[in-house]
Amino acid sequence: MSINDPLGDMLARIRNAQMRHKAKVTTPASKLREHVLDVLAEEGYIRGYARVDYTGGKSEFEIELKYFDGEPVIKDIKRVSTPGRRVYSSVKDLPTVANGLGVAILSTPKGVMSDSRARNENVGGEILCNVF
């Protein structure tokens, strides 16, 4: 089965696993997914992740989800820029997610980073997803 939007697939897996209160979820490994998971871990939305390598060259990420008082830490996670409709933003026009309580994850020329870090480094880019 081919996946047209690998990042959207990962976000859907996280969303679905949290609805079922799962402790861990797996997703196929890629560099973009790894960088987005780095930002999610850095911002405190997930406990962490580990790369699991299988024979035949396949590898997956095992993501440890985070809960607080039985509720998922990630209330809402949405894909903004899709393969059919790319969304770009300059540093002046970066959106605030949930009045600054959430995080927008961007792909910039300096790498994948959160919106606050992009403002500090004065760089814009493609808005990959919003997390609240």
N, C-alpha and C. Protein backbone atom coordinates (compact mmCIF):
# COMPACT_ATOMS: atom_id res chain seq x y z
N MET A 1 0.84 -1.18 0.00
CA MET A 1 0.00 0.00 0.00
C MET A 1 0.88 1.23 0.00
N SER A 2 0.65 2.14 -0.92
CA SER A 2 1.44 3.36 -0.97
C SER A 2 0.76 4.45 -0.15
N ILE A 3 1.59 5.25 0.48
CA ILE A 3 1.08 6.35 1.30
C ILE A 3 1.46 7.65 0.60
N ASN A 4 0.46 8.46 0.28
CA ASN A 4 0.73 9.72 -0.41
C ASN A 4 1.24 10.79 0.53
N ASP A 5 0.82 10.75 1.78
CA ASP A 5 1.20 11.76 2.76
C ASP A 5 1.74 11.07 4.02
N PRO A 6 3.04 10.75 4.05
CA PRO A 6 3.60 10.02 5.19
C PRO A 6 3.47 10.76 6.52
N LEU A 7 3.65 12.08 6.51
CA LEU A 7 3.54 12.84 7.75
C LEU A 7 2.09 12.86 8.25
N GLY A 8 1.15 13.02 7.33
CA GLY A 8 -0.27 12.98 7.70
C GLY A 8 -0.65 11.63 8.27
N ASP A 9 -0.06 10.55 7.73
CA ASP A 9 -0.30 9.21 8.23
C ASP A 9 0.19 9.08 9.67
N MET A 10 1.39 9.62 9.95
CA MET A 10 1.93 9.54 11.31
C MET A 10 1.06 10.31 12.28
N LEU A 11 0.61 11.50 11.89
CA LEU A 11 -0.24 12.30 12.77
C LEU A 11 -1.57 11.60 13.05
N ALA A 12 -2.13 10.94 12.03
CA ALA A 12 -3.38 10.19 12.21
C ALA A 12 -3.17 9.00 13.15
N ARG A 13 -2.03 8.34 13.04
CA ARG A 13 -1.73 7.22 13.95
C ARG A 13 -1.62 7.69 15.40
N ILE A 14 -0.97 8.84 15.60
CA ILE A 14 -0.86 9.40 16.96
C ILE A 14 -2.24 9.75 17.49
N ARG A 15 -3.03 10.43 16.68
CA ARG A 15 -4.38 10.85 17.08
C ARG A 15 -5.24 9.64 17.44
N ASN A 16 -5.22 8.60 16.59
CA ASN A 16 -6.04 7.42 16.83
C ASN A 16 -5.58 6.65 18.07
N ALA A 17 -4.27 6.55 18.27
CA ALA A 17 -3.75 5.82 19.44
C ALA A 17 -4.12 6.55 20.73
N GLN A 18 -4.10 7.88 20.71
CA GLN A 18 -4.46 8.61 21.92
C GLN A 18 -5.95 8.52 22.22
N MET A 19 -6.78 8.41 21.19
CA MET A 19 -8.21 8.23 21.43
C MET A 19 -8.47 6.90 22.13
N ARG A 20 -7.63 5.91 21.85
CA ARG A 20 -7.79 4.59 22.47
C ARG A 20 -6.91 4.44 23.72
N HIS A 21 -6.27 5.51 24.16
CA HIS A 21 -5.41 5.54 25.35
C HIS A 21 -4.29 4.50 25.30
N LYS A 22 -3.69 4.36 24.14
CA LYS A 22 -2.55 3.46 23.97
C LYS A 22 -1.29 4.10 24.54
N ALA A 23 -0.37 3.29 25.04
CA ALA A 23 0.88 3.81 25.59
C ALA A 23 1.89 4.09 24.48
N LYS A 24 1.88 3.26 23.42
CA LYS A 24 2.85 3.39 22.34
C LYS A 24 2.16 3.21 21.00
N VAL A 25 2.77 3.79 19.97
CA VAL A 25 2.29 3.62 18.61
C VAL A 25 3.51 3.53 17.70
N THR A 26 3.41 2.74 16.63
CA THR A 26 4.53 2.61 15.70
C THR A 26 4.16 3.23 14.36
N THR A 27 5.18 3.71 13.68
CA THR A 27 5.02 4.30 12.35
C THR A 27 6.30 4.04 11.56
N PRO A 28 6.21 3.87 10.25
CA PRO A 28 7.43 3.67 9.46
C PRO A 28 8.38 4.86 9.60
N ALA A 29 9.67 4.58 9.54
CA ALA A 29 10.68 5.62 9.77
C ALA A 29 10.98 6.40 8.50
N SER A 30 11.20 7.70 8.67
CA SER A 30 11.71 8.57 7.62
C SER A 30 12.37 9.76 8.29
N LYS A 31 13.18 10.49 7.54
CA LYS A 31 13.89 11.62 8.14
C LYS A 31 12.95 12.74 8.55
N LEU A 32 11.94 13.04 7.72
CA LEU A 32 10.99 14.10 8.05
C LEU A 32 10.22 13.75 9.31
N ARG A 33 9.75 12.51 9.40
CA ARG A 33 9.04 12.07 10.61
C ARG A 33 9.94 12.18 11.83
N GLU A 34 11.19 11.82 11.68
CA GLU A 34 12.13 11.90 12.80
C GLU A 34 12.29 13.33 13.29
N HIS A 35 12.42 14.28 12.35
CA HIS A 35 12.59 15.68 12.74
C HIS A 35 11.33 16.22 13.41
N VAL A 36 10.15 15.83 12.93
CA VAL A 36 8.89 16.26 13.56
C VAL A 36 8.77 15.65 14.95
N LEU A 37 9.16 14.40 15.11
CA LEU A 37 9.13 13.76 16.43
C LEU A 37 10.11 14.43 17.39
N ASP A 38 11.26 14.88 16.87
CA ASP A 38 12.21 15.62 17.70
C ASP A 38 11.57 16.88 18.27
N VAL A 39 10.83 17.60 17.42
CA VAL A 39 10.17 18.83 17.88
C VAL A 39 9.08 18.50 18.89
N LEU A 40 8.29 17.45 18.64
CA LEU A 40 7.24 17.07 19.58
C LEU A 40 7.81 16.68 20.94
N ALA A 41 8.94 15.96 20.95
CA ALA A 41 9.58 15.58 22.20
C ALA A 41 10.18 16.80 22.90
N GLU A 42 10.79 17.69 22.12
CA GLU A 42 11.41 18.90 22.67
C GLU A 42 10.37 19.81 23.32
N GLU A 43 9.17 19.88 22.72
CA GLU A 43 8.09 20.72 23.25
C GLU A 43 7.30 20.02 24.35
N GLY A 44 7.55 18.73 24.60
CA GLY A 44 6.91 18.02 25.70
C GLY A 44 5.57 17.39 25.37
N TYR A 45 5.27 17.17 24.09
CA TYR A 45 4.01 16.56 23.70
C TYR A 45 4.06 15.04 23.69
N ILE A 46 5.25 14.45 23.58
CA ILE A 46 5.40 13.00 23.66
C ILE A 46 6.55 12.71 24.64
N ARG A 47 6.53 11.51 25.20
CA ARG A 47 7.62 11.12 26.11
C ARG A 47 8.92 10.93 25.36
N GLY A 48 8.85 10.34 24.19
CA GLY A 48 10.03 10.09 23.39
C GLY A 48 9.72 9.08 22.31
N TYR A 49 10.74 8.71 21.58
CA TYR A 49 10.57 7.72 20.52
C TYR A 49 11.88 6.96 20.36
N ALA A 50 11.77 5.77 19.78
CA ALA A 50 12.94 4.94 19.52
C ALA A 50 12.84 4.35 18.13
N ARG A 51 13.97 4.23 17.46
CA ARG A 51 14.00 3.63 16.12
C ARG A 51 14.23 2.13 16.27
N VAL A 52 13.37 1.34 15.63
CA VAL A 52 13.48 -0.11 15.65
C VAL A 52 13.80 -0.57 14.23
N ASP A 53 14.98 -1.22 14.05
CA ASP A 53 15.40 -1.69 12.73
C ASP A 53 15.10 -3.17 12.58
N TYR A 54 14.55 -3.53 11.43
CA TYR A 54 14.23 -4.92 11.12
C TYR A 54 15.14 -5.41 10.00
N THR A 55 15.17 -6.73 9.81
CA THR A 55 15.95 -7.27 8.72
C THR A 55 15.28 -6.90 7.40
N GLY A 56 16.08 -6.73 6.37
CA GLY A 56 15.53 -6.35 5.08
C GLY A 56 15.54 -4.85 4.87
N GLY A 57 16.13 -4.10 5.79
CA GLY A 57 16.25 -2.66 5.62
C GLY A 57 15.06 -1.85 6.10
N LYS A 58 14.02 -2.48 6.60
CA LYS A 58 12.86 -1.74 7.10
C LYS A 58 13.14 -1.25 8.52
N SER A 59 12.59 -0.08 8.84
CA SER A 59 12.71 0.42 10.20
C SER A 59 11.46 1.21 10.57
N GLU A 60 11.18 1.25 11.87
CA GLU A 60 10.00 1.94 12.37
C GLU A 60 10.38 2.78 13.57
N PHE A 61 9.53 3.76 13.87
CA PHE A 61 9.65 4.52 15.10
C PHE A 61 8.58 4.03 16.06
N GLU A 62 8.99 3.78 17.30
CA GLU A 62 8.05 3.44 18.35
C GLU A 62 7.89 4.68 19.22
N ILE A 63 6.72 5.31 19.17
CA ILE A 63 6.47 6.59 19.83
C ILE A 63 5.77 6.33 21.16
N GLU A 64 6.35 6.87 22.24
CA GLU A 64 5.73 6.78 23.57
C GLU A 64 4.86 8.00 23.78
N LEU A 65 3.56 7.78 23.89
CA LEU A 65 2.61 8.88 24.06
C LEU A 65 2.58 9.35 25.51
N LYS A 66 2.17 10.60 25.70
CA LYS A 66 2.20 11.21 27.02
C LYS A 66 0.78 11.56 27.45
N TYR A 67 0.47 11.26 28.71
CA TYR A 67 -0.85 11.54 29.28
C TYR A 67 -0.68 12.31 30.58
N PHE A 68 -1.68 13.14 30.91
CA PHE A 68 -1.68 13.87 32.18
C PHE A 68 -3.07 13.74 32.79
N ASP A 69 -3.15 13.17 33.99
CA ASP A 69 -4.42 12.89 34.67
C ASP A 69 -5.36 12.06 33.80
N GLY A 70 -4.81 11.11 33.07
CA GLY A 70 -5.61 10.23 32.23
C GLY A 70 -6.02 10.81 30.90
N GLU A 71 -5.71 12.07 30.65
CA GLU A 71 -6.07 12.72 29.39
C GLU A 71 -4.81 12.89 28.53
N PRO A 72 -4.93 12.76 27.21
CA PRO A 72 -3.76 12.94 26.34
C PRO A 72 -3.24 14.38 26.42
N VAL A 73 -1.92 14.53 26.37
CA VAL A 73 -1.31 15.86 26.38
C VAL A 73 -1.63 16.58 25.07
N ILE A 74 -1.65 15.83 23.96
CA ILE A 74 -2.00 16.42 22.67
C ILE A 74 -3.51 16.44 22.54
N LYS A 75 -4.09 17.62 22.63
CA LYS A 75 -5.55 17.76 22.49
C LYS A 75 -5.95 17.72 21.01
N ASP A 76 -5.15 18.36 20.16
CA ASP A 76 -5.48 18.45 18.75
C ASP A 76 -4.19 18.48 17.95
N ILE A 77 -4.10 17.68 16.91
CA ILE A 77 -2.94 17.68 16.03
C ILE A 77 -3.46 17.61 14.60
N LYS A 78 -3.14 18.65 13.81
CA LYS A 78 -3.69 18.75 12.46
C LYS A 78 -2.60 19.05 11.46
N ARG A 79 -2.73 18.44 10.29
CA ARG A 79 -1.83 18.69 9.17
C ARG A 79 -2.29 19.98 8.49
N VAL A 80 -1.39 20.92 8.27
CA VAL A 80 -1.74 22.18 7.63
C VAL A 80 -1.38 22.13 6.15
N SER A 81 -0.13 21.88 5.84
CA SER A 81 0.35 21.83 4.47
C SER A 81 0.25 20.39 3.98
N THR A 82 -0.51 20.18 2.91
CA THR A 82 -0.71 18.84 2.37
C THR A 82 0.00 18.73 1.03
N PRO A 83 0.15 17.52 0.49
CA PRO A 83 0.80 17.39 -0.82
C PRO A 83 0.05 18.15 -1.92
N GLY A 84 -1.26 18.29 -1.82
CA GLY A 84 -2.03 19.00 -2.83
C GLY A 84 -2.12 20.49 -2.61
N ARG A 85 -1.81 20.95 -1.39
CA ARG A 85 -1.93 22.37 -1.07
C ARG A 85 -0.85 22.74 -0.05
N ARG A 86 0.24 23.23 -0.53
CA ARG A 86 1.35 23.64 0.34
C ARG A 86 1.04 25.00 0.94
N VAL A 87 1.39 25.16 2.23
CA VAL A 87 1.15 26.43 2.93
C VAL A 87 2.48 26.95 3.44
N TYR A 88 2.87 28.12 2.96
CA TYR A 88 4.12 28.74 3.36
C TYR A 88 3.83 30.02 4.13
N SER A 89 4.76 30.42 4.99
CA SER A 89 4.57 31.63 5.77
C SER A 89 5.92 32.31 6.00
N SER A 90 5.90 33.63 5.91
CA SER A 90 7.11 34.38 6.25
C SER A 90 7.17 34.50 7.77
N VAL A 91 8.29 34.94 8.28
CA VAL A 91 8.46 35.04 9.73
C VAL A 91 7.49 36.06 10.32
N LYS A 92 7.14 37.09 9.55
CA LYS A 92 6.20 38.11 10.04
C LYS A 92 4.78 37.57 10.15
N ASP A 93 4.43 36.60 9.30
CA ASP A 93 3.06 36.09 9.24
C ASP A 93 2.88 34.73 9.89
N LEU A 94 3.82 34.31 10.72
CA LEU A 94 3.69 33.00 11.37
C LEU A 94 2.46 33.00 12.28
N PRO A 95 1.63 31.96 12.19
CA PRO A 95 0.42 31.93 13.01
C PRO A 95 0.72 31.55 14.46
N THR A 96 -0.16 32.01 15.36
CA THR A 96 -0.11 31.56 16.74
C THR A 96 -1.18 30.49 16.89
N VAL A 97 -0.85 29.38 17.51
CA VAL A 97 -1.77 28.27 17.68
C VAL A 97 -2.37 28.34 19.07
N ALA A 98 -3.69 28.42 19.16
CA ALA A 98 -4.42 28.47 20.43
C ALA A 98 -3.91 29.59 21.32
N ASN A 99 -3.79 30.78 20.73
CA ASN A 99 -3.32 31.98 21.45
C ASN A 99 -1.97 31.77 22.13
N GLY A 100 -1.09 31.04 21.46
CA GLY A 100 0.26 30.84 21.97
C GLY A 100 0.43 29.61 22.84
N LEU A 101 -0.66 28.89 23.14
CA LEU A 101 -0.56 27.68 23.96
C LEU A 101 -0.12 26.47 23.14
N GLY A 102 -0.36 26.50 21.85
CA GLY A 102 0.01 25.41 20.97
C GLY A 102 1.28 25.72 20.20
N VAL A 103 1.65 24.80 19.32
CA VAL A 103 2.89 24.93 18.55
C VAL A 103 2.59 24.64 17.09
N ALA A 104 3.15 25.46 16.20
CA ALA A 104 3.15 25.16 14.77
C ALA A 104 4.53 24.62 14.44
N ILE A 105 4.58 23.51 13.72
CA ILE A 105 5.86 22.91 13.33
C ILE A 105 6.12 23.28 11.88
N LEU A 106 7.30 23.87 11.63
CA LEU A 106 7.65 24.38 10.31
C LEU A 106 8.86 23.65 9.75
N SER A 107 8.89 23.56 8.41
CA SER A 107 10.07 23.10 7.71
C SER A 107 10.72 24.34 7.10
N THR A 108 11.89 24.69 7.59
CA THR A 108 12.57 25.92 7.17
C THR A 108 13.90 25.56 6.51
N PRO A 109 14.56 26.54 5.90
CA PRO A 109 15.90 26.27 5.35
C PRO A 109 16.92 25.88 6.42
N LYS A 110 16.63 26.21 7.68
CA LYS A 110 17.52 25.84 8.78
C LYS A 110 17.09 24.56 9.48
N GLY A 111 16.11 23.85 8.92
CA GLY A 111 15.65 22.58 9.49
C GLY A 111 14.22 22.67 9.99
N VAL A 112 13.72 21.55 10.51
CA VAL A 112 12.37 21.49 11.06
C VAL A 112 12.41 22.03 12.48
N MET A 113 11.51 22.97 12.78
CA MET A 113 11.52 23.61 14.11
C MET A 113 10.13 24.12 14.47
N SER A 114 9.98 24.51 15.73
CA SER A 114 8.72 25.07 16.20
C SER A 114 8.61 26.53 15.78
N ASP A 115 7.40 27.08 15.88
CA ASP A 115 7.18 28.45 15.44
C ASP A 115 7.93 29.45 16.31
N SER A 116 8.04 29.20 17.60
CA SER A 116 8.76 30.13 18.48
C SER A 116 10.25 30.16 18.15
N ARG A 117 10.82 28.99 17.86
CA ARG A 117 12.24 28.95 17.48
C ARG A 117 12.46 29.61 16.13
N ALA A 118 11.50 29.46 15.22
CA ALA A 118 11.60 30.10 13.90
C ALA A 118 11.57 31.62 14.05
N ARG A 119 10.75 32.12 14.97
CA ARG A 119 10.73 33.57 15.23
C ARG A 119 12.07 34.03 15.79
N ASN A 120 12.64 33.25 16.71
CA ASN A 120 13.93 33.61 17.29
C ASN A 120 15.04 33.62 16.24
N GLU A 121 14.99 32.67 15.29
CA GLU A 121 16.02 32.58 14.26
C GLU A 121 15.67 33.43 13.03
N ASN A 122 14.50 34.10 13.08
CA ASN A 122 14.07 35.02 12.02
C ASN A 122 14.02 34.32 10.65
N VAL A 123 13.28 33.18 10.61
CA VAL A 123 13.17 32.41 9.38
C VAL A 123 11.73 31.90 9.24
N GLY A 124 11.23 31.88 8.01
CA GLY A 124 9.91 31.34 7.72
C GLY A 124 10.04 30.03 6.97
N GLY A 125 8.91 29.48 6.56
CA GLY A 125 8.96 28.22 5.81
C GLY A 125 7.60 27.60 5.64
N GLU A 126 7.59 26.30 5.36
CA GLU A 126 6.34 25.56 5.16
C GLU A 126 5.79 25.14 6.50
N ILE A 127 4.51 25.42 6.75
CA ILE A 127 3.86 25.03 8.00
C ILE A 127 3.39 23.59 7.85
N LEU A 128 4.04 22.67 8.54
CA LEU A 128 3.71 21.25 8.41
C LEU A 128 2.46 20.88 9.18
N CYS A 129 2.40 21.26 10.48
CA CYS A 129 1.24 20.89 11.29
C CYS A 129 1.12 21.82 12.49
N ASN A 130 -0.07 21.80 13.08
CA ASN A 130 -0.35 22.53 14.32
C ASN A 130 -0.63 21.53 15.42
N VAL A 131 -0.08 21.76 16.61
CA VAL A 131 -0.27 20.87 17.75
C VAL A 131 -0.76 21.70 18.92
N PHE A 132 -1.80 21.20 19.58
CA PHE A 132 -2.30 21.88 20.78
C PHE A 132 -2.65 20.84 21.81
